[in-house]
C-alpha atoms as a PDB file:
ATOM      1  CA  MET A   1     -27.669   2.645  -4.922  1.00  0.00           C
ATOM      2  CA  THR A   2     -26.157   1.692  -8.396  1.00  0.00           C
ATOM      3  CA  SER A   3     -24.313  -2.094  -8.198  1.00  0.00           C
ATOM      4  CA  PHE A   4     -22.038  -1.231 -11.242  1.00  0.00           C
ATOM      5  CA  GLY A   5     -22.414  -5.051 -11.785  1.00  0.00           C
ATOM      6  CA  THR A   6     -22.488  -4.765 -15.833  1.00  0.00           C
ATOM      7  CA  GLU A   7     -19.590  -2.405 -15.850  1.00  0.00           C
ATOM      8  CA  LEU A   8     -17.611  -4.435 -13.405  1.00  0.00           C
ATOM      9  CA  ASP A   9     -18.002  -7.873 -15.392  1.00  0.00           C
ATOM     10  CA  THR A  10     -17.386  -5.780 -18.800  1.00  0.00           C
ATOM     11  CA  ALA A  11     -14.228  -4.334 -17.715  1.00  0.00           C
ATOM     12  CA  ARG A  12     -12.821  -7.540 -16.148  1.00  0.00           C
ATOM     13  CA  ARG A  13     -13.822  -9.263 -19.289  1.00  0.00           C
ATOM     14  CA  ILE A  14     -11.854  -6.465 -21.445  1.00  0.00           C
ATOM     15  CA  ALA A  15      -8.948  -6.518 -19.043  1.00  0.00           C
ATOM     16  CA  ARG A  16      -8.364 -10.200 -19.975  1.00  0.00           C
ATOM     17  CA  GLU A  17      -8.540  -9.569 -23.423  1.00  0.00           C
ATOM     18  CA  ALA A  18      -5.951  -7.178 -23.262  1.00  0.00           C
ATOM     19  CA  GLY A  19      -3.767  -9.212 -21.032  1.00  0.00           C
ATOM     20  CA  ALA A  20      -3.876 -11.855 -23.783  1.00  0.00           C
ATOM     21  CA  LEU A  21      -2.409  -9.195 -26.257  1.00  0.00           C
ATOM     22  CA  LEU A  22       0.280  -7.873 -23.929  1.00  0.00           C
ATOM     23  CA  LEU A  23       1.457 -11.541 -23.342  1.00  0.00           C
ATOM     24  CA  GLN A  24       1.363 -12.288 -27.041  1.00  0.00           C
ATOM     25  CA  VAL A  25       3.888  -9.071 -27.584  1.00  0.00           C
ATOM     26  CA  TYR A  26       5.739 -10.061 -24.208  1.00  0.00           C
ATOM     27  CA  ALA A  27       6.729 -13.340 -26.066  1.00  0.00           C
ATOM     28  CA  THR A  28       8.433 -11.385 -28.899  1.00  0.00           C
ATOM     29  CA  PRO A  29      11.774  -9.270 -29.440  1.00  0.00           C
ATOM     30  CA  PHE A  30       9.371  -6.111 -29.295  1.00  0.00           C
ATOM     31  CA  ALA A  31      10.813  -2.787 -30.284  1.00  0.00           C
ATOM     32  CA  VAL A  32      11.126   0.055 -27.154  1.00  0.00           C
ATOM     33  CA  GLU A  33      10.811   3.550 -27.843  1.00  0.00           C
ATOM     34  CA  ASN A  34      11.031   6.728 -25.997  1.00  0.00           C
ATOM     35  CA  LYS A  35       8.065   8.804 -25.312  1.00  0.00           C
ATOM     36  CA  ALA A  36       8.646  12.765 -26.183  1.00  0.00           C
ATOM     37  CA  GLY A  37       9.218  14.791 -23.282  1.00  0.00           C
ATOM     38  CA  GLY A  38      11.020  12.159 -21.320  1.00  0.00           C
ATOM     39  CA  MET A  39       8.017  10.514 -20.324  1.00  0.00           C
ATOM     40  CA  GLY A  40       9.346   7.021 -20.389  1.00  0.00           C
ATOM     41  CA  PRO A  41       9.412   4.007 -22.530  1.00  0.00           C
ATOM     42  CA  VAL A  42       6.576   2.723 -24.869  1.00  0.00           C
ATOM     43  CA  THR A  43       6.184  -0.324 -26.588  1.00  0.00           C
ATOM     44  CA  GLU A  44       3.733  -1.753 -29.242  1.00  0.00           C
ATOM     45  CA  ALA A  45       1.928  -3.528 -26.278  1.00  0.00           C
ATOM     46  CA  ASP A  46       1.050  -0.339 -24.839  1.00  0.00           C
ATOM     47  CA  THR A  47      -0.317   1.389 -27.801  1.00  0.00           C
ATOM     48  CA  ARG A  48      -2.104  -1.990 -29.139  1.00  0.00           C
ATOM     49  CA  ALA A  49      -3.753  -2.737 -25.761  1.00  0.00           C
ATOM     50  CA  ASN A  50      -4.877   1.076 -25.387  1.00  0.00           C
ATOM     51  CA  ALA A  51      -6.609   0.675 -29.010  1.00  0.00           C
ATOM     52  CA  LEU A  52      -8.217  -2.618 -27.900  1.00  0.00           C
ATOM     53  CA  ILE A  53      -9.799  -1.235 -24.237  1.00  0.00           C
ATOM     54  CA  VAL A  54     -10.923   2.616 -25.527  1.00  0.00           C
ATOM     55  CA  ASP A  55     -12.794   0.718 -28.673  1.00  0.00           C
ATOM     56  CA  ALA A  56     -14.203  -2.091 -26.424  1.00  0.00           C
ATOM     57  CA  LEU A  57     -15.325   0.618 -23.889  1.00  0.00           C
ATOM     58  CA  HIS A  58     -16.858   2.749 -26.307  1.00  0.00           C
ATOM     59  CA  ARG A  59     -18.824  -0.158 -27.740  1.00  0.00           C
ATOM     60  CA  ALA A  60     -19.976  -1.084 -24.437  1.00  0.00           C
ATOM     61  CA  PHE A  61     -20.981   2.092 -22.814  1.00  0.00           C
ATOM     62  CA  PRO A  62     -21.519   4.529 -25.808  1.00  0.00           C
ATOM     63  CA  GLY A  63     -22.504   7.518 -23.435  1.00  0.00           C
ATOM     64  CA  ASP A  64     -19.310   7.458 -21.370  1.00  0.00           C
ATOM     65  CA  GLY A  65     -15.950   9.280 -21.704  1.00  0.00           C
ATOM     66  CA  VAL A  66     -12.636   7.514 -21.915  1.00  0.00           C
ATOM     67  CA  VAL A  67      -9.323   9.197 -20.779  1.00  0.00           C
ATOM     68  CA  ALA A  68      -6.398   6.477 -21.931  1.00  0.00           C
ATOM     69  CA  GLU A  69      -2.648   7.124 -21.531  1.00  0.00           C
ATOM     70  CA  GLU A  70      -1.796   6.229 -25.130  1.00  0.00           C
ATOM     71  CA  SER A  71      -4.513   8.621 -26.410  1.00  0.00           C
ATOM     72  CA  ASP A  72      -4.372  11.567 -28.207  1.00  0.00           C
ATOM     73  CA  ASP A  73      -7.192  13.313 -26.784  1.00  0.00           C
ATOM     74  CA  ASN A  74      -7.898  13.287 -23.281  1.00  0.00           C
ATOM     75  CA  SER A  75     -10.454  15.688 -22.516  1.00  0.00           C
ATOM     76  CA  ALA A  76     -13.309  13.361 -21.862  1.00  0.00           C
ATOM     77  CA  ALA A  77     -13.139  13.628 -18.381  1.00  0.00           C
ATOM     78  CA  SER A  78     -14.205  17.355 -18.308  1.00  0.00           C
ATOM     79  CA  ARG A  79     -17.180  16.796 -20.591  1.00  0.00           C
ATOM     80  CA  PHE A  80     -18.531  13.341 -19.422  1.00  0.00           C
ATOM     81  CA  GLU A  81     -20.141  12.818 -15.749  1.00  0.00           C
ATOM     82  CA  ARG A  82     -19.050   9.005 -16.045  1.00  0.00           C
ATOM     83  CA  CYS A  83     -15.352   8.824 -17.504  1.00  0.00           C
ATOM     84  CA  TRP A  84     -13.141   5.819 -17.734  1.00  0.00           C
ATOM     85  CA  PHE A  85      -9.524   5.897 -16.969  1.00  0.00           C
ATOM     86  CA  VAL A  86      -7.380   3.370 -18.797  1.00  0.00           C
ATOM     87  CA  ASP A  87      -3.613   2.444 -18.221  1.00  0.00           C
ATOM     88  CA  PRO A  88      -3.184  -0.275 -20.757  1.00  0.00           C
ATOM     89  CA  LEU A  89       0.195  -1.167 -19.330  1.00  0.00           C
ATOM     90  CA  ASP A  90       0.963   0.138 -15.992  1.00  0.00           C
ATOM     91  CA  GLY A  91       4.981  -0.982 -15.397  1.00  0.00           C
ATOM     92  CA  THR A  92       6.229  -0.344 -18.908  1.00  0.00           C
ATOM     93  CA  GLN A  93       9.842  -0.847 -17.187  1.00  0.00           C
ATOM     94  CA  GLU A  94       8.673  -3.871 -15.762  1.00  0.00           C
ATOM     95  CA  PHE A  95       7.466  -5.354 -18.776  1.00  0.00           C
ATOM     96  CA  VAL A  96      10.904  -3.972 -21.177  1.00  0.00           C
ATOM     97  CA  HIS A  97      12.791  -5.817 -18.043  1.00  0.00           C
ATOM     98  CA  ARG A  98      10.502  -8.957 -17.941  1.00  0.00           C
ATOM     99  CA  ASN A  99      10.081  -9.208 -14.558  1.00  0.00           C
ATOM    100  CA  GLY A 100       6.395  -9.892 -14.965  1.00  0.00           C
ATOM    101  CA  GLU A 101       5.168  -7.052 -12.307  1.00  0.00           C
ATOM    102  CA  PHE A 102       2.808  -4.858 -14.874  1.00  0.00           C
ATOM    103  CA  ALA A 103      -0.734  -4.339 -15.043  1.00  0.00           C
ATOM    104  CA  ILE A 104      -3.712  -3.372 -17.105  1.00  0.00           C
ATOM    105  CA  HIS A 105      -5.912  -0.436 -15.125  1.00  0.00           C
ATOM    106  CA  ILE A 106      -9.377   0.137 -16.247  1.00  0.00           C
ATOM    107  CA  GLY A 107     -11.292   2.601 -13.558  1.00  0.00           C
ATOM    108  CA  LEU A 108     -14.769   4.087 -13.875  1.00  0.00           C
ATOM    109  CA  ALA A 109     -15.452   7.819 -12.447  1.00  0.00           C
ATOM    110  CA  VAL A 110     -18.623   9.263 -11.827  1.00  0.00           C
ATOM    111  CA  GLY A 111     -18.913  13.029 -10.784  1.00  0.00           C
ATOM    112  CA  GLY A 112     -14.909  13.218 -10.422  1.00  0.00           C
ATOM    113  CA  ARG A 113     -14.899  10.375  -7.885  1.00  0.00           C
ATOM    114  CA  PRO A 114     -13.720   6.824  -8.486  1.00  0.00           C
ATOM    115  CA  VAL A 115     -16.127   4.092  -8.190  1.00  0.00           C
ATOM    116  CA  LEU A 116     -15.084   1.039  -9.987  1.00  0.00           C
ATOM    117  CA  GLY A 117     -11.783  -0.375 -10.676  1.00  0.00           C
ATOM    118  CA  VAL A 118      -9.963  -3.396 -12.271  1.00  0.00           C
ATOM    119  CA  VAL A 119      -6.305  -4.307 -11.899  1.00  0.00           C
ATOM    120  CA  TYR A 120      -5.209  -7.081 -13.823  1.00  0.00           C
ATOM    121  CA  ARG A 121      -1.392  -8.581 -13.864  1.00  0.00           C
ATOM    122  CA  PRO A 122      -1.354 -10.831 -16.892  1.00  0.00           C
ATOM    123  CA  VAL A 123       1.810 -12.649 -15.649  1.00  0.00           C
ATOM    124  CA  GLY A 124       0.400 -15.182 -12.948  1.00  0.00           C
ATOM    125  CA  ASP A 125      -3.230 -14.393 -13.922  1.00  0.00           C
ATOM    126  CA  LEU A 126      -3.783 -12.246 -11.171  1.00  0.00           C
ATOM    127  CA  LEU A 127      -6.856  -9.694 -10.979  1.00  0.00           C
ATOM    128  CA  TYR A 128      -7.827  -7.162  -8.297  1.00  0.00           C
ATOM    129  CA  SER A 129     -11.666  -5.985  -9.019  1.00  0.00           C
ATOM    130  CA  GLY A 130     -13.844  -3.894  -6.533  1.00  0.00           C
ATOM    131  CA  VAL A 131     -16.799  -1.131  -6.400  1.00  0.00           C
ATOM    132  CA  VAL A 132     -16.274   1.453  -3.645  1.00  0.00           C
ATOM    133  CA  GLY A 133     -18.808   1.027  -1.050  1.00  0.00           C
ATOM    134  CA  GLN A 134     -19.879  -2.657  -2.061  1.00  0.00           C
ATOM    135  CA  GLY A 135     -16.616  -4.413  -1.674  1.00  0.00           C
ATOM    136  CA  GLY A 136     -13.768  -6.279  -3.940  1.00  0.00           C
ATOM    137  CA  PHE A 137     -12.065  -9.239  -4.728  1.00  0.00           C
ATOM    138  CA  VAL A 138      -8.561 -10.908  -6.041  1.00  0.00           C
ATOM    139  CA  GLU A 139      -8.650 -13.706  -8.196  1.00  0.00           C
ATOM    140  CA  THR A 140      -5.655 -16.103  -8.850  1.00  0.00           C
ATOM    141  CA  ALA A 141      -4.992 -19.777  -9.600  1.00  0.00           C
ATOM    142  CA  GLY A 142      -8.690 -20.270  -9.721  1.00  0.00           C
ATOM    143  CA  ALA A 143      -9.255 -18.946  -6.095  1.00  0.00           C
ATOM    144  CA  ARG A 144     -11.402 -15.919  -5.339  1.00  0.00           C
ATOM    145  CA  ARG A 145     -11.029 -13.933  -1.948  1.00  0.00           C
ATOM    146  CA  GLU A 146     -12.601 -11.037  -0.496  1.00  0.00           C
ATOM    147  CA  LEU A 147     -10.209  -7.975  -0.510  1.00  0.00           C
ATOM    148  CA  ARG A 148      -9.877  -6.114   2.921  1.00  0.00           C
ATOM    149  CA  VAL A 149      -7.182  -3.810   3.956  1.00  0.00           C
ATOM    150  CA  SER A 150      -5.071  -4.880   7.201  1.00  0.00           C
ATOM    151  CA  ASP A 151      -5.577  -3.093  10.609  1.00  0.00           C
ATOM    152  CA  VAL A 152      -2.306  -2.229  11.603  1.00  0.00           C
ATOM    153  CA  ALA A 153      -2.325   1.052  13.086  1.00  0.00           C
ATOM    154  CA  GLU A 154       1.626   1.193  14.584  1.00  0.00           C
ATOM    155  CA  PRO A 155       3.644   2.852  12.370  1.00  0.00           C
ATOM    156  CA  SER A 156       6.897   1.025  12.963  1.00  0.00           C
ATOM    157  CA  ALA A 157       4.844  -2.233  12.399  1.00  0.00           C
ATOM    158  CA  LEU A 158       3.829  -1.393   8.809  1.00  0.00           C
ATOM    159  CA  ARG A 159       4.940  -2.880   5.974  1.00  0.00           C
ATOM    160  CA  LEU A 160       5.859  -0.739   3.105  1.00  0.00           C
ATOM    161  CA  VAL A 161       5.727  -1.430  -0.531  1.00  0.00           C
ATOM    162  CA  VAL A 162       7.886   0.427  -2.887  1.00  0.00           C
ATOM    163  CA  SER A 163       8.732   0.757  -6.591  1.00  0.00           C
ATOM    164  CA  ARG A 164      11.710  -1.251  -7.910  1.00  0.00           C
ATOM    165  CA  SER A 165      12.932   1.567 -10.161  1.00  0.00           C
ATOM    166  CA  HIS A 166      12.214   4.588  -7.854  1.00  0.00           C
ATOM    167  CA  ARG A 167      13.837   5.525  -4.445  1.00  0.00           C
ATOM    168  CA  ALA A 168      13.578   9.156  -3.502  1.00  0.00           C
ATOM    169  CA  LYS A 169      14.736  10.764  -0.198  1.00  0.00           C
ATOM    170  CA  LEU A 170      11.492  11.626   0.981  1.00  0.00           C
ATOM    171  CA  THR A 171      10.822   7.942   1.485  1.00  0.00           C
ATOM    172  CA  ASP A 172      13.798   7.265   3.093  1.00  0.00           C
ATOM    173  CA  GLN A 173      12.666  10.537   5.400  1.00  0.00           C
ATOM    174  CA  VAL A 174       9.249   9.035   6.014  1.00  0.00           C
ATOM    175  CA  VAL A 175      10.731   5.505   6.663  1.00  0.00           C
ATOM    176  CA  ALA A 176      13.206   7.158   9.613  1.00  0.00           C
ATOM    177  CA  ARG A 177      10.591   8.833  10.952  1.00  0.00           C
ATOM    178  CA  LEU A 178       8.063   6.405  11.176  1.00  0.00           C
ATOM    179  CA  GLY A 179      10.361   3.575  12.431  1.00  0.00           C
ATOM    180  CA  ILE A 180       9.545   1.326   9.209  1.00  0.00           C
ATOM    181  CA  THR A 181      11.445  -1.923   9.150  1.00  0.00           C
ATOM    182  CA  GLN A 182       9.613  -3.894   6.774  1.00  0.00           C
ATOM    183  CA  GLU A 183       9.645  -3.232   3.188  1.00  0.00           C
ATOM    184  CA  ARG A 184       8.774  -4.937  -0.212  1.00  0.00           C
ATOM    185  CA  GLU A 185       9.708  -4.151  -3.659  1.00  0.00           C
ATOM    186  CA  SER A 186       6.904  -4.201  -6.510  1.00  0.00           C
ATOM    187  CA  GLY A 187       6.533  -2.634 -10.019  1.00  0.00           C
ATOM    188  CA  SER A 188       2.779  -1.158 -11.167  1.00  0.00           C
ATOM    189  CA  VAL A 189       0.905   1.299  -8.957  1.00  0.00           C
ATOM    190  CA  GLY A 190      -2.078  -0.992  -9.503  1.00  0.00           C
ATOM    191  CA  VAL A 191      -0.395  -4.299  -8.040  1.00  0.00           C
ATOM    192  CA  LYS A 192       1.435  -1.993  -5.104  1.00  0.00           C
ATOM    193  CA  CYS A 193      -2.466  -0.683  -4.176  1.00  0.00           C
ATOM    194  CA  GLY A 194      -3.680  -4.318  -4.756  1.00  0.00           C
ATOM    195  CA  LEU A 195      -0.932  -5.819  -2.206  1.00  0.00           C
ATOM    196  CA  LEU A 196      -2.347  -3.278   0.372  1.00  0.00           C
ATOM    197  CA  ALA A 197      -6.199  -4.277  -0.606  1.00  0.00           C
ATOM    198  CA  GLU A 198      -5.527  -7.935   0.291  1.00  0.00           C
ATOM    199  CA  ALA A 199      -3.469  -7.039   3.535  1.00  0.00           C
ATOM    200  CA  ALA A 200      -0.172  -7.974   2.025  1.00  0.00           C
ATOM    201  CA  ALA A 201       1.163  -4.453   2.706  1.00  0.00           C
ATOM    202  CA  ASP A 202       0.132  -1.145   4.676  1.00  0.00           C
ATOM    203  CA  LEU A 203       1.771   1.617   3.140  1.00  0.00           C
ATOM    204  CA  TYR A 204       2.889   2.924  -0.359  1.00  0.00           C
ATOM    205  CA  LEU A 205       4.332   6.516  -1.331  1.00  0.00           C
ATOM    206  CA  HIS A 206       4.943   7.907  -4.816  1.00  0.00           C
ATOM    207  CA  VAL A 207       6.892  10.943  -4.287  1.00  0.00           C
ATOM    208  CA  SER A 208       7.310  11.878  -7.781  1.00  0.00           C
ATOM    209  CA  PRO A 209       4.847  14.186  -9.569  1.00  0.00           C
ATOM    210  CA  LYS A 210       5.188  12.233 -12.791  1.00  0.00           C
ATOM    211  CA  SER A 211       2.233   9.853 -12.517  1.00  0.00           C
ATOM    212  CA  TYR A 212      -1.481  10.637 -14.106  1.00  0.00           C
ATOM    213  CA  ARG A 213      -5.195   9.755 -13.208  1.00  0.00           C
ATOM    214  CA  TRP A 214      -5.030   6.944 -15.265  1.00  0.00           C
ATOM    215  CA  ASP A 215      -2.372   5.534 -13.245  1.00  0.00           C
ATOM    216  CA  ASN A 216      -4.435   5.651  -9.855  1.00  0.00           C
ATOM    217  CA  CYS A 217      -8.355   5.739 -10.732  1.00  0.00           C
ATOM    218  CA  ALA A 218      -8.685   1.565 -10.829  1.00  0.00           C
ATOM    219  CA  PRO A 219      -5.941   1.059  -7.780  1.00  0.00           C
ATOM    220  CA  GLU A 220      -7.936   3.953  -5.944  1.00  0.00           C
ATOM    221  CA  ALA A 221     -11.367   2.016  -6.480  1.00  0.00           C
ATOM    222  CA  VAL A 222     -10.076  -1.295  -5.838  1.00  0.00           C
ATOM    223  CA  LEU A 223      -8.152   0.111  -2.579  1.00  0.00           C
ATOM    224  CA  ARG A 224     -11.342   1.796  -1.548  1.00  0.00           C
ATOM    225  CA  SER A 225     -13.475  -1.124  -1.934  1.00  0.00           C
ATOM    226  CA  ALA A 226     -11.208  -2.938   0.541  1.00  0.00           C
ATOM    227  CA  GLY A 227     -11.484   0.228   3.092  1.00  0.00           C
ATOM    228  CA  GLY A 228      -8.093   1.761   2.442  1.00  0.00           C
ATOM    229  CA  ILE A 229      -7.395   5.306   1.447  1.00  0.00           C
ATOM    230  CA  LEU A 230      -5.551   6.799  -1.512  1.00  0.00           C
ATOM    231  CA  THR A 231      -4.777  10.585  -1.419  1.00  0.00           C
ATOM    232  CA  ASP A 232      -2.351  13.147  -2.301  1.00  0.00           C
ATOM    233  CA  LEU A 233       0.892  13.353  -0.145  1.00  0.00           C
ATOM    234  CA  GLY A 234      -1.262  15.953   1.538  1.00  0.00           C
ATOM    235  CA  GLY A 235      -4.059  13.825   2.549  1.00  0.00           C
ATOM    236  CA  THR A 236      -6.346  15.261   0.087  1.00  0.00           C
ATOM    237  CA  PRO A 237      -8.276  12.767  -2.811  1.00  0.00           C
ATOM    238  CA  TYR A 238      -7.764  13.646  -6.295  1.00  0.00           C
ATOM    239  CA  ARG A 239     -10.596  14.408  -8.425  1.00  0.00           C
ATOM    240  CA  TYR A 240     -10.883  12.750 -11.697  1.00  0.00           C
ATOM    241  CA  ASP A 241     -12.934  15.550 -13.388  1.00  0.00           C
ATOM    242  CA  GLY A 242     -10.705  16.751 -16.008  1.00  0.00           C
ATOM    243  CA  SER A 243      -9.482  19.593 -13.984  1.00  0.00           C
ATOM    244  CA  GLU A 244      -6.287  18.371 -14.003  1.00  0.00           C
ATOM    245  CA  LEU A 245      -4.675  14.695 -14.993  1.00  0.00           C
ATOM    246  CA  GLN A 246      -1.146  15.096 -13.729  1.00  0.00           C
ATOM    247  CA  ASN A 247      -0.687  13.934  -9.935  1.00  0.00           C
ATOM    248  CA  VAL A 248       1.359  16.968  -9.317  1.00  0.00           C
ATOM    249  CA  ARG A 249       1.168  16.163  -5.451  1.00  0.00           C
ATOM    250  CA  GLY A 250       2.113  12.309  -5.343  1.00  0.00           C
ATOM    251  CA  LEU A 251       0.296   9.565  -4.093  1.00  0.00           C
ATOM    252  CA  LEU A 252      -0.068   8.132  -0.697  1.00  0.00           C
ATOM    253  CA  ALA A 253      -1.998   4.908  -0.078  1.00  0.00           C
ATOM    254  CA  CYS A 254      -2.754   3.585   3.063  1.00  0.00           C
ATOM    255  CA  ASN A 255      -4.835   1.320   5.212  1.00  0.00           C
ATOM    256  CA  ALA A 256      -7.456   3.406   7.141  1.00  0.00           C
ATOM    257  CA  ALA A 257      -6.179   2.477  10.626  1.00  0.00           C
ATOM    258  CA  ALA A 258      -2.569   3.892  10.514  1.00  0.00           C
ATOM    259  CA  PHE A 259      -3.600   7.153   7.741  1.00  0.00           C
ATOM    260  CA  PRO A 260      -4.355   9.443  10.681  1.00  0.00           C
ATOM    261  CA  HIS A 261      -0.639   8.743  12.044  1.00  0.00           C
ATOM    262  CA  VAL A 262       1.071   8.580   8.902  1.00  0.00           C
ATOM    263  CA  GLN A 263      -0.229  11.511   6.614  1.00  0.00           C
ATOM    264  CA  PRO A 264       0.928  14.527   8.737  1.00  0.00           C
ATOM    265  CA  VAL A 265       4.329  12.931   8.713  1.00  0.00           C
ATOM    266  CA  VAL A 266       4.253  12.275   5.175  1.00  0.00           C
ATOM    267  CA  ALA A 267       2.851  16.245   4.389  1.00  0.00           C
ATOM    268  CA  ALA A 268       5.247  17.626   6.617  1.00  0.00           C
ATOM    269  CA  PHE A 269       8.406  16.195   4.484  1.00  0.00           C
ATOM    270  CA  ALA A 270       6.431  16.732   1.325  1.00  0.00           C
ATOM    271  CA  ARG A 271       6.301  20.564   2.566  1.00  0.00           C
ATOM    272  CA  GLU A 272       9.995  20.487   3.014  1.00  0.00           C
ATOM    273  CA  ALA A 273      10.701  18.997  -0.531  1.00  0.00           C
ATOM    274  CA  GLY A 274       8.400  21.649  -2.192  1.00  0.00           C
ATOM    275  CA  LEU A 275       5.799  19.067  -3.321  1.00  0.00           C
ATOM    276  CA  LEU A 276       3.153  20.680  -1.311  1.00  0.00           C
ATOM    277  CA  THR A 277       2.198  24.242  -1.325  1.00  0.00           C
END
């Protein structure tokens, strides 16, 4: 079995370098532009970190493909057995609002499956990393802890983590049906999945079709390294082989114990909402 030790160490180093760049821009009165097609805000931090990470990955692993949010050509996933998926700044809204809840995602997929992930939140120096099947760790304040999802199986006892900026009717329907009473807000897909991976939350739903593989490759690898599960709203794992890049069927992240109880409920409401066919 491949250990991916070199890849993990390299991705961790690159993430920290990109994080330092983000913090440099964060400390300035940076400009905010809107992407074409209503794809949300973008700043110089997004584009500069994108260039740094992509260049560093190409130099470290010249035989691998790289798919990155701010790159023009994202066809590499269909052309390379090994492909990196990069979100240089997940949570640009949080960056703009200066609440600190943004992260860098660097994930590696092999044969269309996520195998390795690094999620780095520069504010607070919080780093999640893991290799699927080999475990993961969270590092903060000079301490390093092993990641492991919770074993909470009772739906009404689950702790839901939700976005600060997006709240959908489907989420409210699932919460009501399952009897969930504990919620917390967080920015960034990666930070939310990290909270699940360290057993600080149990369930996360992203019911919008407006996310992409670079949003979830690294978070999925981290979560799976901790024993968790990430799928579309219908319970089917996404592939990272270039067949599609947009997560048109949303995201469901959960600990393994509760997944069999939660997934059918989520899928039923998602079908009613037209998110699943």
